[in-house]
């Protein structure tokens, strides 16, 4: 058996702004397993500046893991503290064991093209650019819109939300917002109260991760429901996961398998959340279509009908051609389409 990895750099179609800065490229790593005609591929979706394992020796560690897997050595101790590598290994092994490398799970999503409901993602930019994205998404059939906020003037962002609400009721369009930790604890409550005027479904990570007491108070006061996102990154121990949920008591958690350590790790979060009546949904972390496909197929195995955050495949100029199609508020797997032959043995 041969196990190798390679780096791949995704180029954004246009600079994409968040409250943490602008994104122009996104590097990722593929793990490939080959044994004669049998082939498997997994993606280590490292996210610079956000991933727990964004460390200088990441690639060196990935090489060690591949060498260990190839020699048949138990590699788990080598990637236990590297969530992106854990995800890539789990995906590659599942792909390798499947009947076809890109059909990791037998679900209606990939077999009979049953779509997954997704939100339309609105990136930061000028207020006019954001407005155009919002109404284009709604015109295209999205009834759940997620806006990234926190980098522009807050009054301008509120005016845009008010404009949306003047045209579409909460029954017609669900609004989510994602602050990526942009608000300070001192101002957060006031801003959430202002946002509550627009019937917001939820706000992701209103303040930066690690401020447990301040976040707990926001969740308890609950002007609008709070969803933890970055707060979950780097929390790898089961007892620590339980303690975090018990201390903060959020209304929702956001699951990004690449940042949490794979599908089994995400399932552990789901079990803990559901035991506490905490809602959840899955979001991609700017993986290529290889990782997005695996995440979507895994998501289809879970018991959820809430719109997911899996519509990021069209952001790049050089993504891997795939059967994934995001349209009309749905992510579909079109079996009439084929994967880029460069990524199929």
Protein backbone atom coordinates (compact mmCIF):
# COMPACT_ATOMS: atom_id res chain seq x y z
CA UNK A 1 0.00 0.00 0.00
CA UNK A 2 1.28 3.45 -0.93
CA UNK A 3 0.28 6.51 1.10
CA UNK A 4 1.27 10.01 0.02
CA UNK A 5 0.16 13.60 0.30
CA UNK A 6 0.22 16.66 -1.89
CA UNK A 7 -0.50 20.33 -1.38
CA UNK A 8 -3.12 22.15 -3.43
CA UNK A 9 -3.76 25.91 -3.42
CA UNK A 10 -7.30 27.11 -4.11
CA UNK A 11 -7.68 30.58 -5.65
CA UNK A 12 -10.72 32.67 -4.75
CA UNK A 13 -12.66 34.11 -7.68
CA UNK A 14 -12.54 37.45 -5.88
CA UNK A 15 -11.07 38.58 -2.57
CA UNK A 16 -13.36 37.40 0.22
CA UNK A 17 -13.55 39.55 3.32
CA UNK A 18 -14.19 38.41 6.88
CA UNK A 19 -13.82 40.29 10.16
CA UNK A 20 -10.39 38.58 10.43
CA UNK A 21 -9.15 39.92 7.11
CA UNK A 22 -9.27 39.20 3.38
CA UNK A 23 -8.90 35.77 1.78
CA UNK A 24 -7.36 35.42 -1.68
CA UNK A 25 -6.03 31.85 -1.52
CA UNK A 26 -6.70 28.78 0.59
CA UNK A 27 -4.14 25.99 0.77
CA UNK A 28 -5.20 22.45 1.43
CA UNK A 29 -3.60 18.98 1.45
CA UNK A 30 -4.75 15.69 -0.06
CA UNK A 31 -3.87 12.29 1.40
CA UNK A 32 -3.92 9.52 -1.22
CA UNK A 33 -3.91 5.78 -0.53
CA UNK A 34 -3.19 3.33 -3.37
CA UNK A 35 -3.09 -0.44 -3.44
CA UNK A 36 -3.23 -1.80 -6.97
CA UNK A 37 -6.55 -0.71 -8.45
CA UNK A 38 -7.89 0.38 -5.06
CA UNK A 39 -7.69 4.11 -4.37
CA UNK A 40 -8.76 6.50 -1.63
CA UNK A 41 -8.42 10.24 -1.13
CA UNK A 42 -8.92 12.50 1.87
CA UNK A 43 -8.53 16.22 2.41
CA UNK A 44 -6.72 17.88 5.29
CA UNK A 45 -8.52 21.20 5.21
CA UNK A 46 -6.02 23.34 7.08
CA UNK A 47 -7.29 26.88 7.62
CA UNK A 48 -4.43 29.30 8.25
CA UNK A 49 -5.04 31.57 11.20
CA UNK A 50 -7.97 29.50 12.45
CA UNK A 51 -7.11 25.79 12.60
CA UNK A 52 -5.85 24.45 15.93
CA UNK A 53 -3.07 22.70 14.02
CA UNK A 54 -1.89 25.74 12.08
CA UNK A 55 1.70 25.22 13.26
CA UNK A 56 5.04 25.51 11.41
CA UNK A 57 5.63 21.73 11.40
CA UNK A 58 2.17 20.77 10.07
CA UNK A 59 3.45 19.47 6.73
CA UNK A 60 6.31 17.61 8.41
CA UNK A 61 3.79 15.92 10.70
CA UNK A 62 1.57 15.04 7.75
CA UNK A 63 4.54 13.34 6.06
CA UNK A 64 5.20 11.30 9.22
CA UNK A 65 1.56 10.22 9.36
CA UNK A 66 1.59 9.10 5.73
CA UNK A 67 4.82 7.13 6.30
CA UNK A 68 3.33 5.45 9.36
CA UNK A 69 0.13 4.52 7.53
CA UNK A 70 2.14 3.11 4.63
CA UNK A 71 4.23 0.92 6.95
CA UNK A 72 1.15 -0.33 8.81
CA UNK A 73 2.08 1.40 12.08
CA UNK A 74 -0.72 2.81 14.26
CA UNK A 75 -0.49 6.51 13.38
CA UNK A 76 -3.10 7.83 15.79
CA UNK A 77 -0.61 9.19 18.29
CA UNK A 78 0.95 11.22 15.46
CA UNK A 79 -2.25 13.08 14.58
CA UNK A 80 -4.27 13.13 17.80
CA UNK A 81 -3.49 16.86 18.22
CA UNK A 82 -3.85 17.65 14.50
CA UNK A 83 -7.58 17.92 13.70
CA UNK A 84 -7.10 18.61 9.99
CA UNK A 85 -4.87 15.54 9.61
CA UNK A 86 -7.32 13.45 11.62
CA UNK A 87 -10.04 14.53 9.21
CA UNK A 88 -7.91 13.75 6.16
CA UNK A 89 -6.94 10.29 7.42
CA UNK A 90 -10.52 9.41 8.35
CA UNK A 91 -11.77 10.59 4.95
CA UNK A 92 -8.99 8.79 3.03
CA UNK A 93 -9.55 5.48 4.83
CA UNK A 94 -13.32 5.71 4.31
CA UNK A 95 -12.77 6.54 0.64
CA UNK A 96 -10.29 3.66 0.27
CA UNK A 97 -12.75 1.16 1.76
CA UNK A 98 -15.70 2.36 -0.35
CA UNK A 99 -16.84 0.84 -3.64
CA UNK A 100 -15.87 4.09 -5.38
CA UNK A 101 -13.45 6.70 -3.96
CA UNK A 102 -15.93 9.58 -4.06
CA UNK A 103 -18.96 7.65 -2.80
CA UNK A 104 -17.95 7.47 0.84
CA UNK A 105 -21.41 6.87 2.29
CA UNK A 106 -24.49 5.18 0.83
CA UNK A 107 -27.06 7.94 1.26
CA UNK A 108 -29.96 9.29 -0.78
CA UNK A 109 -27.86 12.43 -1.34
CA UNK A 110 -25.36 10.70 -3.63
CA UNK A 111 -27.35 7.67 -4.77
CA UNK A 112 -30.70 9.17 -5.78
CA UNK A 113 -29.66 12.84 -5.74
CA UNK A 114 -31.79 13.84 -2.75
CA UNK A 115 -30.60 17.40 -2.09
CA UNK A 116 -29.41 18.94 1.16
CA UNK A 117 -30.89 22.32 2.14
CA UNK A 118 -28.17 24.97 2.48
CA UNK A 119 -27.91 28.64 3.37
CA UNK A 120 -26.77 31.23 0.86
CA UNK A 121 -23.53 32.81 2.05
CA UNK A 122 -23.08 36.58 1.76
CA UNK A 123 -19.48 37.76 2.06
CA UNK A 124 -18.38 41.09 3.45
CA UNK A 125 -17.57 43.95 1.13
CA UNK A 126 -19.14 47.30 0.40
CA UNK A 127 -22.72 47.56 1.54
CA UNK A 128 -23.84 47.65 -2.09
CA UNK A 129 -21.89 44.49 -2.83
CA UNK A 130 -23.49 42.74 0.13
CA UNK A 131 -26.95 43.96 -0.88
CA UNK A 132 -26.43 42.61 -4.39
CA UNK A 133 -25.40 39.23 -3.03
CA UNK A 134 -28.42 39.03 -0.72
CA UNK A 135 -31.04 39.72 -3.35
CA UNK A 136 -29.27 37.62 -5.96
CA UNK A 137 -29.31 34.67 -3.54
CA UNK A 138 -32.99 35.16 -2.77
CA UNK A 139 -33.78 35.47 -6.48
CA UNK A 140 -31.88 32.22 -7.02
CA UNK A 141 -34.18 30.42 -4.61
CA UNK A 142 -32.36 30.57 -1.27
CA UNK A 143 -34.74 30.99 1.67
CA UNK A 144 -31.98 30.97 4.30
CA UNK A 145 -29.33 33.67 4.02
CA UNK A 146 -26.18 33.96 6.14
CA UNK A 147 -24.43 37.34 6.25
CA UNK A 148 -20.93 37.88 7.56
CA UNK A 149 -20.96 41.03 9.67
CA UNK A 150 -18.62 42.94 11.93
CA UNK A 151 -16.18 44.63 9.54
CA UNK A 152 -18.36 47.45 8.22
CA UNK A 153 -20.12 50.25 10.04
CA UNK A 154 -22.68 48.50 12.24
CA UNK A 155 -25.43 50.99 11.37
CA UNK A 156 -24.94 50.23 7.66
CA UNK A 157 -25.19 46.51 8.35
CA UNK A 158 -28.40 47.06 10.32
CA UNK A 159 -29.86 49.16 7.50
CA UNK A 160 -29.24 46.29 5.09
CA UNK A 161 -30.93 43.83 7.46
CA UNK A 162 -33.85 46.23 7.83
CA UNK A 163 -34.12 46.49 4.05
CA UNK A 164 -34.25 42.71 3.73
CA UNK A 165 -36.91 42.45 6.43
CA UNK A 166 -38.98 45.18 4.80
CA UNK A 167 -39.18 43.00 1.70
CA UNK A 168 -39.20 39.48 3.16
CA UNK A 169 -40.81 38.17 6.36
CA UNK A 170 -39.09 35.61 8.62
CA UNK A 171 -41.43 33.00 7.14
CA UNK A 172 -40.13 33.82 3.65
CA UNK A 173 -36.41 34.27 4.40
CA UNK A 174 -34.45 33.05 7.41
CA UNK A 175 -31.55 35.35 8.32
CA UNK A 176 -28.37 34.16 10.01
CA UNK A 177 -25.43 36.40 10.82
CA UNK A 178 -21.82 35.51 11.56
CA UNK A 179 -19.64 37.96 13.45
CA UNK A 180 -16.53 35.74 13.59
CA UNK A 181 -15.84 37.14 17.08
CA UNK A 182 -15.84 40.77 15.91
CA UNK A 183 -17.80 42.29 18.83
CA UNK A 184 -16.21 43.19 22.14
CA UNK A 185 -17.88 41.78 25.28
CA UNK A 186 -18.70 45.33 26.36
CA UNK A 187 -20.70 46.15 23.21
CA UNK A 188 -22.02 42.70 22.31
CA UNK A 189 -25.30 42.71 24.24
CA UNK A 190 -26.33 46.09 22.88
CA UNK A 191 -25.55 44.98 19.33
CA UNK A 192 -27.45 41.71 19.73
CA UNK A 193 -30.45 43.62 21.03
CA UNK A 194 -30.28 45.85 17.96
CA UNK A 195 -30.03 42.81 15.68
CA UNK A 196 -33.06 41.25 17.37
CA UNK A 197 -35.22 43.88 15.66
CA UNK A 198 -34.73 42.02 12.39
CA UNK A 199 -35.94 38.57 13.46
CA UNK A 200 -32.49 37.01 13.21
CA UNK A 201 -32.41 33.21 13.45
CA UNK A 202 -28.98 33.13 15.12
CA UNK A 203 -25.60 34.81 15.39
CA UNK A 204 -22.41 32.81 15.08
CA UNK A 205 -19.59 33.62 17.50
CA UNK A 206 -20.52 37.21 18.45
CA UNK A 207 -17.38 37.61 20.59
CA UNK A 208 -13.96 36.02 20.29
CA UNK A 209 -13.49 32.49 21.59
CA UNK A 210 -12.18 31.86 25.10
CA UNK A 211 -14.30 34.44 26.95
CA UNK A 212 -16.55 31.86 28.59
CA UNK A 213 -18.22 34.07 31.19
CA UNK A 214 -19.07 36.81 28.71
CA UNK A 215 -20.38 34.28 26.20
CA UNK A 216 -22.42 32.51 28.88
CA UNK A 217 -24.12 35.80 29.76
CA UNK A 218 -24.96 36.50 26.12
CA UNK A 219 -26.49 33.05 25.74
CA UNK A 220 -28.45 33.43 28.97
CA UNK A 221 -29.80 36.88 28.08
CA UNK A 222 -30.52 35.60 24.57
CA UNK A 223 -31.60 38.69 22.59
CA UNK A 224 -31.06 36.37 19.63
CA UNK A 225 -29.87 32.72 19.74
CA UNK A 226 -26.10 32.26 19.84
CA UNK A 227 -24.24 29.61 17.84
CA UNK A 228 -20.72 28.65 18.92
CA UNK A 229 -18.22 28.21 16.09
CA UNK A 230 -14.60 29.11 16.77
CA UNK A 231 -15.30 28.34 20.44
CA UNK A 232 -15.21 24.60 19.61
CA UNK A 233 -11.84 24.64 17.84
CA UNK A 234 -9.07 22.93 19.79
CA UNK A 235 -11.47 21.35 22.30
CA UNK A 236 -10.45 17.74 21.69
CA UNK A 237 -11.11 15.97 24.99
CA UNK A 238 -14.64 14.64 25.64
CA UNK A 239 -14.73 15.98 29.19
CA UNK A 240 -13.67 19.43 27.95
CA UNK A 241 -16.43 19.37 25.30
CA UNK A 242 -19.04 18.59 27.94
CA UNK A 243 -17.68 21.25 30.29
CA UNK A 244 -17.76 23.92 27.57
CA UNK A 245 -21.39 23.22 26.66
CA UNK A 246 -22.42 23.08 30.32
CA UNK A 247 -20.68 26.34 31.16
CA UNK A 248 -21.82 28.43 28.17
CA UNK A 249 -25.19 26.77 27.42
CA UNK A 250 -25.44 27.99 23.81
CA UNK A 251 -28.55 27.70 21.70
CA UNK A 252 -26.61 26.17 18.76
CA UNK A 253 -23.20 24.84 17.80
CA UNK A 254 -21.62 24.92 14.33
CA UNK A 255 -19.79 21.79 13.22
CA UNK A 256 -16.81 22.15 10.89
CA UNK A 257 -15.35 18.61 10.69
CA UNK A 258 -12.02 19.80 9.27
CA UNK A 259 -11.48 22.05 12.28
CA UNK A 260 -12.87 19.64 14.88
CA UNK A 261 -10.94 16.50 13.93
CA UNK A 262 -13.20 14.63 11.52
CA UNK A 263 -16.60 13.00 11.42
CA UNK A 264 -16.30 10.93 14.60
CA UNK A 265 -15.30 14.06 16.49
CA UNK A 266 -18.27 15.95 15.03
CA UNK A 267 -20.59 13.08 15.98
CA UNK A 268 -19.31 13.31 19.56
CA UNK A 269 -20.26 17.01 19.61
CA UNK A 270 -23.70 16.14 18.18
CA UNK A 271 -24.36 13.56 20.90
CA UNK A 272 -23.38 16.00 23.64
CA UNK A 273 -25.42 18.83 22.12
CA UNK A 274 -28.56 16.76 21.62
CA UNK A 275 -28.38 15.51 25.20
CA UNK A 276 -28.59 19.17 26.25
CA UNK A 277 -31.25 20.23 23.71
CA UNK A 278 -28.69 22.33 21.84
CA UNK A 279 -29.29 22.66 18.10
CA UNK A 280 -26.57 22.21 15.50
CA UNK A 281 -25.76 22.32 11.81
CA UNK A 282 -22.75 21.52 9.65
CA UNK A 283 -20.61 24.06 7.81
CA UNK A 284 -17.74 23.56 5.42
CA UNK A 285 -14.45 25.32 6.10
CA UNK A 286 -13.51 26.30 2.54
CA UNK A 287 -12.39 22.81 1.55
CA UNK A 288 -12.08 21.81 -2.09
CA UNK A 289 -14.92 19.82 -3.63
CA UNK A 290 -13.16 16.65 -2.47
CA UNK A 291 -13.60 17.58 1.18
CA UNK A 292 -16.98 19.25 0.62
CA UNK A 293 -18.31 16.08 -1.03
CA UNK A 294 -17.27 13.91 1.92
CA UNK A 295 -18.74 16.38 4.42
CA UNK A 296 -22.02 16.56 2.50
CA UNK A 297 -22.30 12.78 2.26
CA UNK A 298 -21.57 12.41 5.98
CA UNK A 299 -24.09 15.16 6.78
CA UNK A 300 -26.70 13.17 4.85
CA UNK A 301 -26.22 10.32 7.35
CA UNK A 302 -27.23 12.58 10.24
CA UNK A 303 -30.74 13.35 11.43
CA UNK A 304 -31.10 17.01 10.52
CA UNK A 305 -33.40 19.04 8.31
CA UNK A 306 -31.98 22.48 9.17
CA UNK A 307 -30.22 24.35 6.32
CA UNK A 308 -26.52 23.49 6.34
CA UNK A 309 -23.54 25.68 5.47
CA UNK A 310 -22.27 23.63 2.53
CA UNK A 311 -22.45 26.04 -0.39
CA UNK A 312 -18.80 27.12 -0.66
CA UNK A 313 -17.68 24.97 -3.61
CA UNK A 314 -18.25 27.73 -6.15
CA UNK A 315 -15.92 30.24 -4.51
CA UNK A 316 -12.75 29.13 -6.32
CA UNK A 317 -11.43 29.45 -9.87
CA UNK A 318 -9.57 26.14 -9.71
CA UNK A 319 -11.76 23.87 -7.62
CA UNK A 320 -11.87 20.21 -8.65
CA UNK A 321 -14.70 19.61 -11.12
CA UNK A 322 -17.29 17.42 -9.45
CA UNK A 323 -20.96 16.37 -9.48
CA UNK A 324 -21.71 18.84 -6.66
CA UNK A 325 -24.16 21.56 -7.71
CA UNK A 326 -25.40 24.36 -5.43
CA UNK A 327 -28.62 25.92 -6.70
CA UNK A 328 -32.02 27.11 -5.48
CA UNK A 329 -31.02 26.77 -1.84
CA UNK A 330 -29.93 23.16 -2.24
CA UNK A 331 -26.72 21.20 -2.64
CA UNK A 332 -27.19 18.36 -5.13
CA UNK A 333 -25.07 15.46 -6.31
CA UNK A 334 -25.66 15.20 -10.06
CA UNK A 335 -24.76 11.65 -11.10
CA UNK A 336 -24.71 12.69 -14.75
CA UNK A 337 -21.58 14.73 -14.00
CA UNK A 338 -18.11 13.31 -13.46
CA UNK A 339 -15.17 14.03 -11.22
CA UNK A 340 -12.06 15.60 -12.72
CA UNK A 341 -10.14 12.58 -14.07
CA UNK A 342 -6.89 13.89 -12.54
CA UNK A 343 -8.35 12.90 -9.17
CA UNK A 344 -9.55 9.44 -10.10
CA UNK A 345 -7.16 6.56 -10.55
